[in-house]
C-alpha atoms as a PDB file:
ATOM      1  CA  MET A   1       6.944 -35.106 -14.044  1.00  0.00           C
ATOM      2  CA  LEU A   2      10.588 -34.098 -14.092  1.00  0.00           C
ATOM      3  CA  LYS A   3      12.031 -36.403 -11.431  1.00  0.00           C
ATOM      4  CA  THR A   4      12.939 -40.021 -11.828  1.00  0.00           C
ATOM      5  CA  LEU A   5      12.661 -42.565  -9.054  1.00  0.00           C
ATOM      6  CA  GLY A   6      14.973 -41.806  -6.136  1.00  0.00           C
ATOM      7  CA  GLU A   7      15.829 -38.229  -7.087  1.00  0.00           C
ATOM      8  CA  LYS A   8      15.564 -35.577  -4.391  1.00  0.00           C
ATOM      9  CA  ASN A   9      13.680 -32.313  -4.532  1.00  0.00           C
ATOM     10  CA  VAL A  10      15.758 -29.249  -5.253  1.00  0.00           C
ATOM     11  CA  GLN A  11      16.247 -27.162  -2.094  1.00  0.00           C
ATOM     12  CA  CYS A  12      18.159 -24.095  -3.286  1.00  0.00           C
ATOM     13  CA  ALA A  13      17.382 -22.161  -0.101  1.00  0.00           C
ATOM     14  CA  LEU A  14      19.449 -24.692   1.825  1.00  0.00           C
ATOM     15  CA  CYS A  15      22.389 -24.786  -0.604  1.00  0.00           C
ATOM     16  CA  ARG A  16      25.461 -22.836   0.514  1.00  0.00           C
ATOM     17  CA  ILE A  17      27.574 -23.479  -2.597  1.00  0.00           C
ATOM     18  CA  LYS A  18      25.307 -22.117  -5.370  1.00  0.00           C
ATOM     19  CA  GLU A  19      27.366 -23.634  -8.180  1.00  0.00           C
ATOM     20  CA  CYS A  20      24.536 -22.744 -10.547  1.00  0.00           C
ATOM     21  CA  VAL A  21      26.004 -19.240 -10.851  1.00  0.00           C
ATOM     22  CA  LYS A  22      29.161 -20.881 -12.273  1.00  0.00           C
ATOM     23  CA  GLY A  23      27.338 -23.036 -14.829  1.00  0.00           C
ATOM     24  CA  LYS A  24      26.612 -26.276 -12.949  1.00  0.00           C
ATOM     25  CA  ASN A  25      23.107 -27.694 -13.418  1.00  0.00           C
ATOM     26  CA  CYS A  26      22.281 -29.587 -10.240  1.00  0.00           C
ATOM     27  CA  SER A  27      18.553 -29.644 -10.978  1.00  0.00           C
ATOM     28  CA  VAL A  28      16.518 -32.496 -12.369  1.00  0.00           C
ATOM     29  CA  ILE A  29      15.750 -30.406 -15.450  1.00  0.00           C
ATOM     30  CA  LYS A  30      18.290 -31.633 -17.972  1.00  0.00           C
ATOM     31  CA  TYR A  31      16.460 -30.765 -21.197  1.00  0.00           C
ATOM     32  CA  GLY A  32      13.295 -29.187 -22.504  1.00  0.00           C
ATOM     33  CA  LEU A  33      13.869 -25.658 -21.239  1.00  0.00           C
ATOM     34  CA  GLU A  34      13.753 -23.430 -24.255  1.00  0.00           C
ATOM     35  CA  TYR A  35      13.215 -19.710 -24.246  1.00  0.00           C
ATOM     36  CA  THR A  36      11.715 -18.649 -27.561  1.00  0.00           C
ATOM     37  CA  GLY A  37       9.352 -15.950 -28.820  1.00  0.00           C
ATOM     38  CA  ASN A  38       7.883 -13.723 -26.106  1.00  0.00           C
ATOM     39  CA  ASN A  39       9.475 -15.827 -23.354  1.00  0.00           C
ATOM     40  CA  LEU A  40      12.918 -15.160 -24.831  1.00  0.00           C
ATOM     41  CA  LYS A  41      12.175 -11.445 -25.170  1.00  0.00           C
ATOM     42  CA  SER A  42      10.839 -11.379 -21.601  1.00  0.00           C
ATOM     43  CA  ILE A  43      13.926 -12.985 -20.118  1.00  0.00           C
ATOM     44  CA  GLN A  44      16.214 -10.715 -22.167  1.00  0.00           C
ATOM     45  CA  ILE A  45      14.438  -7.591 -20.889  1.00  0.00           C
ATOM     46  CA  SER A  46      14.480  -8.898 -17.321  1.00  0.00           C
ATOM     47  CA  ALA A  47      18.197  -9.683 -17.516  1.00  0.00           C
ATOM     48  CA  TRP A  48      18.882  -6.218 -18.909  1.00  0.00           C
ATOM     49  CA  LEU A  49      16.889  -4.571 -16.079  1.00  0.00           C
ATOM     50  CA  GLU A  50      18.812  -6.674 -13.561  1.00  0.00           C
ATOM     51  CA  SER A  51      22.274  -5.914 -14.887  1.00  0.00           C
ATOM     52  CA  ASP A  52      22.288  -2.392 -16.371  1.00  0.00           C
ATOM     53  CA  GLY A  53      23.207  -0.739 -13.060  1.00  0.00           C
ATOM     54  CA  VAL A  54      20.520   1.972 -13.061  1.00  0.00           C
ATOM     55  CA  LYS A  55      18.547   2.144  -9.793  1.00  0.00           C
ATOM     56  CA  ARG A  56      14.848   2.133 -10.669  1.00  0.00           C
ATOM     57  CA  THR A  57      11.598   1.824  -8.807  1.00  0.00           C
ATOM     58  CA  LYS A  58       9.499  -1.272  -9.337  1.00  0.00           C
ATOM     59  CA  LEU A  59       6.956   0.842 -11.243  1.00  0.00           C
ATOM     60  CA  GLU A  60       9.682   2.063 -13.607  1.00  0.00           C
ATOM     61  CA  GLU A  61      10.808  -1.526 -14.159  1.00  0.00           C
ATOM     62  CA  ILE A  62       7.234  -2.639 -14.820  1.00  0.00           C
ATOM     63  CA  ALA A  63       6.698   0.211 -17.311  1.00  0.00           C
ATOM     64  CA  ILE A  64       9.961  -0.450 -19.157  1.00  0.00           C
ATOM     65  CA  TYR A  65       9.271  -4.176 -19.242  1.00  0.00           C
ATOM     66  CA  ALA A  66       5.714  -3.669 -20.527  1.00  0.00           C
ATOM     67  CA  LYS A  67       6.734  -1.127 -23.163  1.00  0.00           C
ATOM     68  CA  SER A  68       9.621  -3.329 -24.343  1.00  0.00           C
ATOM     69  CA  LEU A  69       7.227  -6.228 -24.859  1.00  0.00           C
ATOM     70  CA  GLY A  70       4.859  -4.022 -26.832  1.00  0.00           C
ATOM     71  CA  TYR A  71       2.130  -4.009 -24.204  1.00  0.00           C
ATOM     72  CA  THR A  72      -0.409  -1.230 -24.635  1.00  0.00           C
ATOM     73  CA  LYS A  73      -3.021  -2.021 -21.954  1.00  0.00           C
ATOM     74  CA  ILE A  74      -2.221  -2.164 -18.251  1.00  0.00           C
ATOM     75  CA  GLY A  75      -4.697  -3.145 -15.544  1.00  0.00           C
ATOM     76  CA  ILE A  76      -4.566  -2.084 -11.899  1.00  0.00           C
ATOM     77  CA  ALA A  77      -6.383  -4.258  -9.374  1.00  0.00           C
ATOM     78  CA  PHE A  78      -6.268  -2.394  -6.066  1.00  0.00           C
ATOM     79  CA  CYS A  79      -7.498  -2.544  -2.522  1.00  0.00           C
ATOM     80  CA  ILE A  80      -9.937   0.285  -1.824  1.00  0.00           C
ATOM     81  CA  GLU A  81      -7.740   1.338   1.126  1.00  0.00           C
ATOM     82  CA  TYR A  82      -5.131   2.400  -1.436  1.00  0.00           C
ATOM     83  CA  GLU A  83      -7.318   4.481  -3.720  1.00  0.00           C
ATOM     84  CA  ARG A  84      -4.927   7.452  -3.555  1.00  0.00           C
ATOM     85  CA  GLU A  85      -1.943   5.267  -4.460  1.00  0.00           C
ATOM     86  CA  ALA A  86      -3.887   3.608  -7.289  1.00  0.00           C
ATOM     87  CA  ARG A  87      -4.652   7.052  -8.706  1.00  0.00           C
ATOM     88  CA  LEU A  88      -0.953   7.954  -8.573  1.00  0.00           C
ATOM     89  CA  VAL A  89       0.016   4.760 -10.403  1.00  0.00           C
ATOM     90  CA  TYR A  90      -2.788   5.370 -12.903  1.00  0.00           C
ATOM     91  CA  ASP A  91      -1.623   8.942 -13.532  1.00  0.00           C
ATOM     92  CA  ILE A  92       1.968   7.841 -14.123  1.00  0.00           C
ATOM     93  CA  LEU A  93       1.232   4.828 -16.320  1.00  0.00           C
ATOM     94  CA  SER A  94      -1.459   6.574 -18.373  1.00  0.00           C
ATOM     95  CA  ARG A  95       1.315   8.697 -19.916  1.00  0.00           C
ATOM     96  CA  TYR A  96       2.523   5.573 -21.708  1.00  0.00           C
ATOM     97  CA  PHE A  97      -0.325   3.050 -21.733  1.00  0.00           C
ATOM     98  CA  GLU A  98      -4.070   2.686 -21.839  1.00  0.00           C
ATOM     99  CA  VAL A  99      -4.804   1.979 -18.160  1.00  0.00           C
ATOM    100  CA  PHE A 100      -7.801   0.239 -16.588  1.00  0.00           C
ATOM    101  CA  SER A 101      -8.408   0.122 -12.840  1.00  0.00           C
ATOM    102  CA  VAL A 102     -10.740  -1.943 -10.678  1.00  0.00           C
ATOM    103  CA  CYS A 103     -11.123  -1.612  -6.902  1.00  0.00           C
ATOM    104  CA  CYS A 104     -11.593  -4.637  -4.688  1.00  0.00           C
ATOM    105  CA  LYS A 105     -15.200  -3.903  -3.764  1.00  0.00           C
ATOM    106  CA  VAL A 106     -16.399  -4.048  -7.376  1.00  0.00           C
ATOM    107  CA  CYS A 107     -19.873  -5.667  -7.768  1.00  0.00           C
ATOM    108  CA  SER A 108     -20.597  -4.915  -4.094  1.00  0.00           C
ATOM    109  CA  PHE A 109     -21.122  -8.449  -2.792  1.00  0.00           C
ATOM    110  CA  GLU A 110     -22.359  -8.477   0.784  1.00  0.00           C
ATOM    111  CA  LYS A 111     -20.140 -10.416   3.188  1.00  0.00           C
ATOM    112  CA  ALA A 112     -23.165 -12.094   4.797  1.00  0.00           C
ATOM    113  CA  SER A 113     -24.300 -13.459   1.422  1.00  0.00           C
ATOM    114  CA  LEU A 114     -21.059 -15.471   1.233  1.00  0.00           C
ATOM    115  CA  GLY A 115     -21.242 -16.662   4.825  1.00  0.00           C
ATOM    116  CA  ILE A 116     -18.566 -14.218   5.997  1.00  0.00           C
ATOM    117  CA  LYS A 117     -18.937 -12.497   9.347  1.00  0.00           C
ATOM    118  CA  LYS A 118     -19.023  -8.709   9.175  1.00  0.00           C
ATOM    119  CA  SER A 119     -15.972  -6.999  10.648  1.00  0.00           C
ATOM    120  CA  GLU A 120     -17.829  -3.786  11.480  1.00  0.00           C
ATOM    121  CA  ASP A 121     -21.257  -2.959  12.851  1.00  0.00           C
ATOM    122  CA  LEU A 122     -22.649  -1.770   9.517  1.00  0.00           C
ATOM    123  CA  GLU A 123     -25.945  -2.466   7.847  1.00  0.00           C
ATOM    124  CA  PHE A 124     -24.111  -3.536   4.670  1.00  0.00           C
ATOM    125  CA  GLU A 125     -20.463  -4.562   4.366  1.00  0.00           C
ATOM    126  CA  ALA A 126     -19.028  -5.413   0.964  1.00  0.00           C
ATOM    127  CA  VAL A 127     -16.520  -8.216   0.601  1.00  0.00           C
ATOM    128  CA  CYS A 128     -13.519  -7.944  -1.693  1.00  0.00           C
ATOM    129  CA  ASN A 129     -14.054  -9.477  -5.127  1.00  0.00           C
ATOM    130  CA  PRO A 130     -10.694 -10.458  -6.667  1.00  0.00           C
ATOM    131  CA  ILE A 131     -12.292 -12.796  -9.202  1.00  0.00           C
ATOM    132  CA  GLY A 132     -14.540  -9.949 -10.360  1.00  0.00           C
ATOM    133  CA  GLN A 133     -11.510  -7.661 -10.627  1.00  0.00           C
ATOM    134  CA  ALA A 134      -9.727 -10.217 -12.817  1.00  0.00           C
ATOM    135  CA  LEU A 135     -12.754 -10.859 -15.018  1.00  0.00           C
ATOM    136  CA  LEU A 136     -13.307  -7.137 -15.636  1.00  0.00           C
ATOM    137  CA  LEU A 137      -9.659  -6.618 -16.575  1.00  0.00           C
ATOM    138  CA  ASN A 138      -9.854  -9.716 -18.788  1.00  0.00           C
ATOM    139  CA  ASP A 139     -12.772  -8.031 -20.577  1.00  0.00           C
ATOM    140  CA  ASP A 140     -10.546  -4.983 -21.109  1.00  0.00           C
ATOM    141  CA  LEU A 141      -7.983  -7.291 -22.767  1.00  0.00           C
ATOM    142  CA  THR A 142      -5.137  -6.002 -20.604  1.00  0.00           C
ATOM    143  CA  ASN A 143      -1.635  -7.209 -21.458  1.00  0.00           C
ATOM    144  CA  LEU A 144      -0.351  -6.942 -17.875  1.00  0.00           C
ATOM    145  CA  ASN A 145      -2.092  -6.482 -14.526  1.00  0.00           C
ATOM    146  CA  ILE A 146      -0.657  -4.803 -11.455  1.00  0.00           C
ATOM    147  CA  MET A 147      -1.880  -5.854  -8.019  1.00  0.00           C
ATOM    148  CA  LEU A 148      -1.764  -2.969  -5.583  1.00  0.00           C
ATOM    149  CA  GLY A 149      -2.422  -3.626  -1.893  1.00  0.00           C
ATOM    150  CA  LEU A 150      -4.497  -6.781  -2.386  1.00  0.00           C
ATOM    151  CA  LYS A 151      -4.544  -8.790   0.831  1.00  0.00           C
ATOM    152  CA  THR A 152      -3.269 -12.354   1.059  1.00  0.00           C
ATOM    153  CA  GLY A 153      -5.679 -14.738  -0.597  1.00  0.00           C
ATOM    154  CA  TYR A 154      -7.276 -11.998  -2.682  1.00  0.00           C
ATOM    155  CA  ASP A 155      -4.005 -11.613  -4.590  1.00  0.00           C
ATOM    156  CA  ILE A 156      -3.847 -15.380  -5.120  1.00  0.00           C
ATOM    157  CA  LEU A 157      -7.399 -15.529  -6.476  1.00  0.00           C
ATOM    158  CA  PHE A 158      -6.796 -12.489  -8.683  1.00  0.00           C
ATOM    159  CA  ALA A 159      -3.632 -14.020 -10.179  1.00  0.00           C
ATOM    160  CA  LYS A 160      -5.433 -17.323 -10.716  1.00  0.00           C
ATOM    161  CA  TYR A 161      -8.249 -15.741 -12.739  1.00  0.00           C
ATOM    162  CA  SER A 162      -6.277 -13.040 -14.558  1.00  0.00           C
ATOM    163  CA  GLU A 163      -5.671 -13.964 -18.187  1.00  0.00           C
ATOM    164  CA  ALA A 164      -2.805 -11.474 -18.368  1.00  0.00           C
ATOM    165  CA  PRO A 165       0.346 -11.898 -16.287  1.00  0.00           C
ATOM    166  CA  ALA A 166      -0.055 -10.271 -12.870  1.00  0.00           C
ATOM    167  CA  ILE A 167       2.622  -8.599 -10.765  1.00  0.00           C
ATOM    168  CA  THR A 168       2.550  -7.070  -7.287  1.00  0.00           C
ATOM    169  CA  LEU A 169       3.606  -3.445  -6.898  1.00  0.00           C
ATOM    170  CA  PRO A 170       4.682  -2.951  -3.266  1.00  0.00           C
ATOM    171  CA  ILE A 171       2.807  -0.137  -1.527  1.00  0.00           C
ATOM    172  CA  GLU A 172       5.979   0.728   0.425  1.00  0.00           C
ATOM    173  CA  GLU A 173       7.609   1.937  -2.772  1.00  0.00           C
ATOM    174  CA  LEU A 174       4.916   4.440  -3.713  1.00  0.00           C
ATOM    175  CA  PRO A 175       5.942   7.482  -1.596  1.00  0.00           C
ATOM    176  CA  GLN A 176       9.022   7.734  -3.839  1.00  0.00           C
ATOM    177  CA  LEU A 177       6.794   8.157  -6.876  1.00  0.00           C
ATOM    178  CA  ALA A 178       5.097  11.457  -6.078  1.00  0.00           C
ATOM    179  CA  ASP A 179       6.775  13.350  -8.931  1.00  0.00           C
ATOM    180  CA  SER A 180       7.918  10.336 -10.913  1.00  0.00           C
ATOM    181  CA  LYS A 181       8.637  10.742 -14.580  1.00  0.00           C
ATOM    182  CA  ILE A 182       9.538   7.563 -16.343  1.00  0.00           C
ATOM    183  CA  ASP A 183      11.429   9.347 -19.091  1.00  0.00           C
ATOM    184  CA  ILE A 184      13.444   6.301 -20.084  1.00  0.00           C
ATOM    185  CA  ILE A 185      10.478   4.922 -22.007  1.00  0.00           C
ATOM    186  CA  GLU A 186      10.460   5.662 -25.692  1.00  0.00           C
END
Protein backbone atom coordinates (compact mmCIF):
# COMPACT_ATOMS: atom_id res chain seq x y z
CA MET A 1 0.00 0.00 0.00
CA LEU A 2 1.48 3.32 -1.06
CA LYS A 3 -0.64 5.75 0.97
CA THR A 4 -0.23 6.62 4.59
CA LEU A 5 -3.12 7.52 6.86
CA GLY A 6 -4.89 10.70 5.79
CA GLU A 7 -3.40 10.97 2.31
CA LYS A 8 -5.76 11.58 -0.59
CA ASN A 9 -6.06 9.62 -3.80
CA VAL A 10 -4.37 11.13 -6.81
CA GLN A 11 -6.93 12.65 -9.19
CA CYS A 12 -4.86 13.83 -12.16
CA ALA A 13 -7.93 14.19 -14.38
CA LEU A 14 -9.16 16.94 -12.07
CA CYS A 15 -5.83 18.78 -11.79
CA ARG A 16 -5.56 21.95 -13.89
CA ILE A 17 -1.95 22.80 -12.98
CA LYS A 18 -0.11 19.60 -14.03
CA GLU A 19 3.12 20.56 -12.28
CA CYS A 20 4.34 17.01 -12.90
CA VAL A 21 5.45 18.09 -16.38
CA LYS A 22 7.80 20.58 -14.65
CA GLY A 23 9.31 18.05 -12.24
CA LYS A 24 7.03 18.23 -9.18
CA ASN A 25 6.04 14.87 -7.68
CA CYS A 26 2.64 15.37 -6.09
CA SER A 27 1.93 11.64 -5.90
CA VAL A 28 2.23 9.38 -2.90
CA ILE A 29 4.97 7.43 -4.68
CA LYS A 30 8.14 8.91 -3.25
CA TYR A 31 10.51 5.99 -3.77
CA GLY A 32 10.68 2.49 -5.18
CA LEU A 33 10.02 3.32 -8.82
CA GLU A 34 12.95 1.99 -10.75
CA TYR A 35 13.05 1.31 -14.44
CA THR A 36 15.65 -1.36 -15.15
CA GLY A 37 16.17 -4.15 -17.68
CA ASN A 38 13.30 -4.62 -20.14
CA ASN A 39 11.16 -2.03 -18.33
CA LEU A 40 13.87 0.59 -18.91
CA LYS A 41 14.21 -0.40 -22.56
CA SER A 42 10.42 -0.34 -22.95
CA ILE A 43 10.06 3.16 -21.54
CA GLN A 44 13.00 4.42 -23.63
CA ILE A 45 11.42 3.08 -26.84
CA SER A 46 8.02 4.50 -25.88
CA ALA A 47 9.52 7.92 -25.14
CA TRP A 48 11.35 7.87 -28.46
CA LEU A 49 8.13 6.98 -30.35
CA GLU A 50 6.34 9.80 -28.52
CA SER A 51 8.92 12.49 -29.20
CA ASP A 52 10.59 11.78 -32.56
CA GLY A 53 8.01 13.77 -34.54
CA VAL A 54 7.24 11.14 -37.20
CA LYS A 55 3.50 10.50 -37.66
CA ARG A 56 2.94 6.75 -37.51
CA THR A 57 -0.02 4.43 -37.33
CA LYS A 58 -0.57 2.44 -34.16
CA LEU A 59 0.43 -0.72 -36.05
CA GLU A 60 3.73 0.88 -37.08
CA GLU A 61 4.35 1.89 -33.47
CA ILE A 62 3.55 -1.61 -32.25
CA ALA A 63 5.89 -3.17 -34.83
CA ILE A 64 8.75 -0.78 -34.05
CA TYR A 65 8.26 -1.28 -30.32
CA ALA A 66 8.18 -5.07 -30.65
CA LYS A 67 11.20 -5.22 -32.95
CA SER A 68 13.18 -2.87 -30.68
CA LEU A 69 12.53 -5.14 -27.71
CA GLY A 70 13.66 -8.17 -29.68
CA TYR A 71 10.21 -9.74 -29.91
CA THR A 72 9.90 -12.39 -32.60
CA LYS A 73 6.38 -13.79 -32.03
CA ILE A 74 3.25 -11.67 -32.25
CA GLY A 75 -0.26 -12.93 -31.50
CA ILE A 76 -3.49 -11.52 -32.91
CA ALA A 77 -6.68 -12.17 -30.96
CA PHE A 78 -9.54 -10.94 -33.13
CA CYS A 79 -13.29 -10.76 -33.31
CA ILE A 80 -14.60 -12.91 -36.15
CA GLU A 81 -16.42 -9.84 -37.52
CA TYR A 82 -13.00 -8.41 -38.37
CA GLU A 83 -11.52 -11.38 -40.18
CA ARG A 84 -10.53 -9.25 -43.19
CA GLU A 85 -8.78 -6.70 -40.97
CA ALA A 86 -7.02 -9.47 -39.03
CA ARG A 87 -5.71 -10.87 -42.31
CA LEU A 88 -4.38 -7.43 -43.27
CA VAL A 89 -2.60 -7.05 -39.93
CA TYR A 90 -1.28 -10.61 -40.25
CA ASP A 91 0.04 -9.93 -43.77
CA ILE A 92 1.83 -6.76 -42.67
CA LEU A 93 3.33 -8.11 -39.45
CA SER A 94 4.38 -11.44 -40.95
CA ARG A 95 7.01 -9.54 -42.95
CA TYR A 96 8.86 -8.92 -39.69
CA PHE A 97 7.61 -11.46 -37.13
CA GLU A 98 6.29 -14.95 -36.71
CA VAL A 99 2.56 -14.25 -36.35
CA PHE A 100 -0.16 -16.36 -34.72
CA SER A 101 -3.86 -15.54 -34.96
CA VAL A 102 -6.90 -16.81 -33.07
CA CYS A 103 -10.51 -15.79 -33.76
CA CYS A 104 -12.98 -15.26 -30.96
CA LYS A 105 -15.11 -18.31 -31.72
CA VAL A 106 -12.23 -20.75 -31.21
CA CYS A 107 -13.29 -24.03 -29.52
CA SER A 108 -16.89 -23.39 -30.61
CA PHE A 109 -18.59 -23.22 -27.21
CA GLU A 110 -22.36 -23.05 -27.51
CA LYS A 111 -23.92 -20.01 -25.83
CA ALA A 112 -26.67 -22.14 -24.28
CA SER A 113 -24.09 -24.38 -22.58
CA LEU A 114 -22.88 -21.34 -20.60
CA GLY A 115 -26.37 -20.12 -19.76
CA ILE A 116 -26.25 -17.33 -22.35
CA LYS A 117 -29.35 -16.52 -24.37
CA LYS A 118 -28.90 -16.85 -28.13
CA SER A 119 -28.98 -13.56 -30.02
CA GLU A 120 -30.17 -15.14 -33.26
CA ASP A 121 -32.64 -17.86 -34.17
CA LEU A 122 -29.98 -20.44 -35.01
CA GLU A 123 -29.72 -24.08 -34.11
CA PHE A 124 -26.19 -23.50 -32.77
CA GLU A 125 -24.64 -20.17 -31.77
CA ALA A 126 -21.03 -20.04 -30.62
CA VAL A 127 -20.00 -17.71 -27.83
CA CYS A 128 -16.74 -15.79 -27.93
CA ASN A 129 -13.89 -17.47 -26.07
CA PRO A 130 -11.30 -14.87 -24.99
CA ILE A 131 -9.75 -17.17 -22.39
CA GLY A 132 -9.27 -19.83 -25.08
CA GLN A 133 -7.71 -17.22 -27.38
CA ALA A 134 -5.24 -16.25 -24.65
CA LEU A 135 -4.38 -19.84 -23.75
CA LEU A 136 -3.70 -20.76 -27.38
CA LEU A 137 -1.43 -17.74 -27.87
CA ASN A 138 0.28 -18.59 -24.57
CA ASP A 139 0.99 -22.04 -26.03
CA ASP A 140 2.56 -20.32 -29.05
CA LEU A 141 4.85 -18.44 -26.64
CA THR A 142 4.02 -15.06 -28.16
CA ASN A 143 6.01 -12.07 -26.94
CA LEU A 144 3.20 -9.56 -27.56
CA ASN A 145 -0.51 -9.97 -28.31
CA ILE A 146 -2.68 -7.59 -30.30
CA MET A 147 -6.40 -7.41 -29.57
CA LEU A 148 -8.37 -6.55 -32.68
CA GLY A 149 -12.07 -5.77 -32.36
CA LEU A 150 -12.65 -7.72 -29.15
CA LYS A 151 -15.82 -6.48 -27.46
CA THR A 152 -15.85 -5.04 -23.95
CA GLY A 153 -15.42 -7.77 -21.39
CA TYR A 154 -13.85 -10.15 -23.88
CA ASP A 155 -10.84 -7.84 -24.13
CA ILE A 156 -10.61 -7.70 -20.33
CA LEU A 157 -10.68 -11.49 -20.01
CA PHE A 158 -8.17 -11.89 -22.83
CA ALA A 159 -5.73 -9.43 -21.21
CA LYS A 160 -6.18 -11.14 -17.84
CA TYR A 161 -5.23 -14.57 -19.18
CA SER A 162 -2.59 -13.55 -21.72
CA GLU A 163 0.91 -14.28 -20.46
CA ALA A 164 2.36 -11.80 -22.97
CA PRO A 165 1.57 -8.09 -22.79
CA ALA A 166 -1.60 -7.29 -24.73
CA ILE A 167 -2.41 -4.10 -26.64
CA THR A 168 -5.53 -2.97 -28.49
CA LEU A 169 -5.19 -2.02 -32.15
CA PRO A 170 -8.11 0.29 -33.01
CA ILE A 171 -10.18 -0.95 -35.95
CA GLU A 172 -10.74 2.67 -37.04
CA GLU A 173 -7.07 2.95 -37.96
CA LEU A 174 -6.99 -0.02 -40.32
CA PRO A 175 -8.31 1.56 -43.57
CA GLN A 176 -5.07 3.58 -43.65
CA LEU A 177 -3.06 0.38 -43.75
CA ALA A 178 -4.15 -1.07 -47.09
CA ASP A 179 -0.73 -0.66 -48.72
CA SER A 180 1.28 -0.17 -45.55
CA LYS A 181 4.97 -0.88 -45.61
CA ILE A 182 6.67 -0.53 -42.28
CA ASP A 183 10.06 0.12 -43.82
CA ILE A 184 11.47 1.77 -40.73
CA ILE A 185 12.03 -1.62 -39.13
CA GLU A 186 15.49 -3.03 -39.51
